Amino acid sequence: MIRLTNITKTFNAAGHRKVVLDDLNVVFPTGESVGLVGRNGAGKSSLMKIIAGTMEPDHGVVSSDGTISWPVGFAGSFHGELTGAQNVRFIARVYGIDTDELLEFVAQFAELGDHFHMPVRTYSSGMRSRLAFGLSMGVHFDTYLVDESTSVGDAAFREKSRLYFLDRMNNSSAIVVSHGLKLLRQICTSGAVLENGKLVYYDKIADAIAHHEYNMNSSEDEEDDV
């Protein structure tokens, strides 16, 4: 379970104060895979960072009765001068995981071959993403935060990642951000819509998607009327 209590976040844009998260109070239940939807710029990534603990809200509290992952597939925290294997060893020590087991899992999952033992700064963005997703799946969390990361790699790797993630959801929860509504229907059980700083939670993902599509269609109608 993850509880958001009075979460508020604002940014200054061109001298104006923009409220992206406006006093949010919601509970993401244990055992649910929640699809988080909203238009571009609605604040979905900011909310995910706040839940992950990598961004501070202006005020409010995030509480949980379980462990929460970093954003799955996030490759921005790797040390470029270290090899892929050395980065994995570092994460294993931080989370108290058997180093050899994690190394073996990530090496097989990411399919980097000899590049696994080369500095990460030499990796392409796709290789970084494969390493990051493999590492994310190699560490067990009660709730996984996923932001479009199952789209990395070629078709075969994407399908492998999707199936592995679905298997993980048998024993874990997730909050998933994706513009792929078909993907959300496949992997999510419930949903939440972020619009104008407010978050509405739905027990069924289909209801959240319907709300989001209504918002998007309403925007298009308003533009047509101008």
Protein backbone atom coordinates (compact mmCIF):
# COMPACT_ATOMS: atom_id res chain seq x y z
CA MET A 1 0.00 0.00 0.00
CA ILE A 2 1.18 3.49 -0.87
CA ARG A 3 -0.61 6.47 0.65
CA LEU A 4 -0.35 10.05 -0.61
CA THR A 5 -1.34 12.62 2.00
CA ASN A 6 -1.79 16.27 0.99
CA ILE A 7 0.87 16.00 -1.75
CA THR A 8 1.38 19.35 -3.48
CA LYS A 9 4.02 20.29 -6.05
CA THR A 10 4.46 23.57 -7.92
CA PHE A 11 6.95 24.85 -10.47
CA ASN A 12 7.80 28.33 -11.68
CA ALA A 13 7.30 28.60 -15.45
CA ALA A 14 8.07 31.89 -17.22
CA GLY A 15 7.53 33.78 -13.99
CA HIS A 16 4.22 32.08 -13.26
CA ARG A 17 3.48 29.54 -10.53
CA LYS A 18 2.15 26.29 -12.02
CA VAL A 19 0.49 23.78 -9.71
CA VAL A 20 1.05 20.26 -11.09
CA LEU A 21 -0.03 18.29 -7.99
CA ASP A 22 -2.76 19.94 -5.94
CA ASP A 23 -3.26 18.51 -2.43
CA LEU A 24 -3.44 14.86 -3.52
CA ASN A 25 -4.94 12.33 -1.11
CA VAL A 26 -5.14 8.80 -2.48
CA VAL A 27 -4.24 5.22 -1.58
CA PHE A 28 -2.71 2.79 -4.09
CA PRO A 29 -3.79 -0.61 -2.69
CA THR A 30 -1.49 -3.59 -2.15
CA GLY A 31 -1.58 -6.12 -4.98
CA GLU A 32 -2.80 -3.69 -7.64
CA SER A 33 -1.08 -2.74 -10.87
CA VAL A 34 -2.18 0.86 -11.36
CA GLY A 35 -2.07 2.58 -14.74
CA LEU A 36 -1.34 6.29 -14.28
CA VAL A 37 -2.64 8.34 -17.22
CA GLY A 38 -2.85 12.02 -18.11
CA ARG A 39 -1.97 14.41 -20.89
CA ASN A 40 1.62 15.47 -21.60
CA GLY A 41 2.81 17.85 -18.90
CA ALA A 42 0.13 16.81 -16.41
CA GLY A 43 2.76 15.92 -13.80
CA LYS A 44 2.87 12.12 -14.03
CA SER A 45 6.68 11.93 -14.00
CA SER A 46 6.87 14.40 -11.11
CA LEU A 47 4.43 12.27 -9.13
CA MET A 48 6.46 9.13 -9.84
CA LYS A 49 9.66 10.85 -8.68
CA ILE A 50 7.97 11.99 -5.47
CA ILE A 51 6.75 8.45 -4.77
CA ALA A 52 10.25 7.12 -5.50
CA GLY A 53 11.75 9.69 -3.14
CA THR A 54 13.93 11.39 -5.75
CA MET A 55 11.89 14.64 -5.71
CA GLU A 56 10.54 16.50 -2.71
CA PRO A 57 6.94 17.75 -2.72
CA ASP A 58 6.25 21.32 -1.60
CA HIS A 59 4.34 19.71 1.23
CA GLY A 60 2.64 16.44 2.01
CA VAL A 61 3.79 12.91 2.84
CA VAL A 62 4.22 9.63 0.97
CA SER A 63 3.94 6.57 3.21
CA SER A 64 4.11 2.86 2.45
CA ASP A 65 4.03 -0.46 4.26
CA GLY A 66 6.42 -2.05 1.74
CA THR A 67 9.48 -1.41 -0.42
CA ILE A 68 9.26 0.85 -3.49
CA SER A 69 11.55 0.58 -6.51
CA TRP A 70 13.40 3.32 -8.29
CA PRO A 71 11.70 4.05 -11.67
CA VAL A 72 12.08 0.77 -13.58
CA GLY A 73 14.45 1.12 -16.51
CA PHE A 74 15.87 4.45 -15.33
CA ALA A 75 19.45 4.59 -16.61
CA GLY A 76 20.44 8.05 -15.43
CA SER A 77 22.09 6.98 -12.18
CA PHE A 78 24.74 4.66 -13.62
CA HIS A 79 28.38 5.64 -13.10
CA GLY A 80 29.74 6.04 -16.60
CA GLU A 81 33.33 5.11 -15.79
CA LEU A 82 32.29 1.81 -14.20
CA THR A 83 31.38 -1.25 -16.25
CA GLY A 84 27.86 -2.60 -16.36
CA ALA A 85 28.95 -5.42 -14.05
CA GLN A 86 30.54 -3.01 -11.58
CA ASN A 87 27.36 -0.91 -11.47
CA VAL A 88 25.38 -4.07 -10.75
CA ARG A 89 27.78 -5.03 -7.94
CA PHE A 90 27.30 -1.60 -6.38
CA ILE A 91 23.49 -1.94 -6.40
CA ALA A 92 23.75 -5.43 -4.94
CA ARG A 93 25.75 -4.09 -1.98
CA VAL A 94 23.35 -1.17 -1.45
CA TYR A 95 20.30 -3.46 -1.31
CA GLY A 96 21.98 -6.36 0.49
CA ILE A 97 21.48 -8.80 -2.40
CA ASP A 98 23.70 -11.74 -3.30
CA THR A 99 26.16 -10.17 -5.75
CA ASP A 100 26.85 -13.26 -7.85
CA GLU A 101 23.15 -14.06 -8.28
CA LEU A 102 22.32 -10.51 -9.37
CA LEU A 103 25.29 -10.40 -11.76
CA GLU A 104 24.23 -13.66 -13.40
CA PHE A 105 20.60 -12.57 -13.71
CA VAL A 106 21.36 -9.16 -15.22
CA ALA A 107 24.01 -10.52 -17.61
CA GLN A 108 21.54 -13.07 -19.01
CA PHE A 109 18.54 -10.76 -19.04
CA ALA A 110 20.17 -7.66 -20.58
CA GLU A 111 21.92 -9.66 -23.34
CA LEU A 112 24.87 -7.24 -23.54
CA GLY A 113 27.56 -9.85 -24.17
CA ASP A 114 31.11 -8.52 -23.72
CA HIS A 115 29.74 -4.99 -23.31
CA PHE A 116 28.61 -5.99 -19.81
CA HIS A 117 32.28 -5.69 -18.79
CA MET A 118 32.88 -2.37 -20.57
CA PRO A 119 32.36 1.17 -19.16
CA VAL A 120 28.73 2.29 -19.27
CA ARG A 121 29.82 5.55 -20.93
CA THR A 122 30.49 3.48 -24.08
CA TYR A 123 26.91 2.15 -24.17
CA SER A 124 24.23 3.30 -26.57
CA SER A 125 20.99 4.55 -25.00
CA GLY A 126 19.37 1.23 -25.87
CA MET A 127 22.12 -0.73 -24.11
CA ARG A 128 21.78 1.46 -21.02
CA SER A 129 18.04 0.83 -21.00
CA ARG A 130 18.51 -2.94 -21.30
CA LEU A 131 20.96 -2.90 -18.39
CA ALA A 132 18.62 -0.72 -16.33
CA PHE A 133 15.56 -2.86 -16.97
CA GLY A 134 17.44 -6.07 -16.20
CA LEU A 135 18.77 -4.58 -12.98
CA SER A 136 15.29 -3.38 -12.00
CA MET A 137 13.86 -6.86 -12.51
CA GLY A 138 16.75 -8.43 -10.61
CA VAL A 139 15.87 -6.64 -7.36
CA HIS A 140 12.63 -7.64 -5.65
CA PHE A 141 10.32 -4.81 -4.53
CA ASP A 142 6.80 -4.78 -3.14
CA THR A 143 5.86 -2.01 -5.60
CA TYR A 144 7.52 -1.27 -8.94
CA LEU A 145 7.41 2.19 -10.51
CA VAL A 146 7.34 1.88 -14.30
CA ASP A 147 7.62 4.80 -16.73
CA GLU A 148 7.43 3.63 -20.38
CA SER A 149 10.42 1.34 -19.83
CA THR A 150 8.98 -1.88 -21.29
CA SER A 151 9.48 -0.32 -24.75
CA VAL A 152 13.28 -0.75 -24.71
CA GLY A 153 15.14 -2.99 -27.16
CA ASP A 154 13.93 -4.88 -30.20
CA ALA A 155 10.58 -6.66 -30.47
CA ALA A 156 11.88 -9.90 -28.93
CA PHE A 157 13.44 -8.10 -25.96
CA ARG A 158 10.29 -6.01 -25.43
CA GLU A 159 8.16 -9.15 -25.37
CA LYS A 160 10.54 -10.87 -22.95
CA SER A 161 10.47 -7.80 -20.71
CA ARG A 162 6.68 -7.60 -20.81
CA LEU A 163 6.26 -11.27 -19.90
CA TYR A 164 8.80 -11.08 -17.09
CA PHE A 165 7.14 -7.97 -15.71
CA LEU A 166 3.72 -9.67 -15.80
CA ASP A 167 5.19 -12.59 -13.88
CA ARG A 168 6.56 -10.20 -11.26
CA MET A 169 3.08 -8.72 -10.84
CA ASN A 170 1.87 -12.05 -9.47
CA ASN A 171 3.62 -11.15 -6.21
CA SER A 172 4.12 -7.38 -6.40
CA SER A 173 2.23 -4.15 -7.01
CA ALA A 174 3.05 -1.52 -9.63
CA ILE A 175 2.33 2.03 -10.74
CA VAL A 176 2.73 2.26 -14.51
CA VAL A 177 2.98 5.39 -16.69
CA SER A 178 2.55 4.77 -20.40
CA HIS A 179 0.95 6.44 -23.40
CA GLY A 180 0.25 2.94 -24.73
CA LEU A 181 -3.32 2.38 -23.59
CA LYS A 182 -3.29 -1.13 -25.04
CA LEU A 183 -0.30 -1.98 -22.84
CA LEU A 184 -2.05 -0.55 -19.77
CA ARG A 185 -5.13 -2.68 -20.47
CA GLN A 186 -2.87 -5.74 -20.64
CA ILE A 187 -0.79 -5.24 -17.51
CA CYS A 188 -2.88 -3.05 -15.17
CA THR A 189 -5.85 -3.90 -12.98
CA SER A 190 -6.78 -0.41 -11.76
CA GLY A 191 -6.05 3.14 -12.87
CA ALA A 192 -5.62 6.77 -11.88
CA VAL A 193 -6.16 9.92 -13.94
CA LEU A 194 -4.07 13.05 -13.33
CA GLU A 195 -5.70 16.19 -14.71
CA ASN A 196 -5.29 19.85 -13.68
CA GLY A 197 -3.39 18.87 -10.56
CA LYS A 198 -6.05 16.45 -9.31
CA LEU A 199 -5.82 12.66 -9.15
CA VAL A 200 -8.86 10.37 -9.50
CA TYR A 201 -8.42 6.67 -8.66
CA TYR A 202 -10.50 3.92 -10.31
CA ASP A 203 -10.81 0.29 -9.27
CA LYS A 204 -10.90 -0.73 -12.95
CA ILE A 205 -8.30 0.31 -15.55
CA ALA A 206 -11.02 0.53 -18.22
CA ASP A 207 -12.79 3.28 -16.26
CA ALA A 208 -9.56 5.28 -15.89
CA ILE A 209 -8.82 5.00 -19.60
CA ALA A 210 -12.37 6.07 -20.46
CA HIS A 211 -11.96 9.16 -18.23
CA HIS A 212 -8.61 9.98 -19.82
CA GLU A 213 -9.98 9.59 -23.36
CA TYR A 214 -12.89 11.86 -22.46
CA ASN A 215 -10.42 14.50 -21.24
CA MET A 216 -8.38 14.25 -24.43
CA ASN A 217 -11.45 14.37 -26.70
CA SER A 218 -12.82 17.34 -24.79
CA SER A 219 -9.56 19.22 -25.38
CA GLU A 220 -9.79 18.53 -29.11
CA ASP A 221 -13.39 19.78 -29.20
CA GLU A 222 -12.37 23.01 -27.43
CA GLU A 223 -9.58 23.58 -29.98
CA ASP A 224 -12.05 23.03 -32.85
CA ASP A 225 -14.39 25.65 -31.36
CA VAL A 226 -11.67 28.32 -31.20
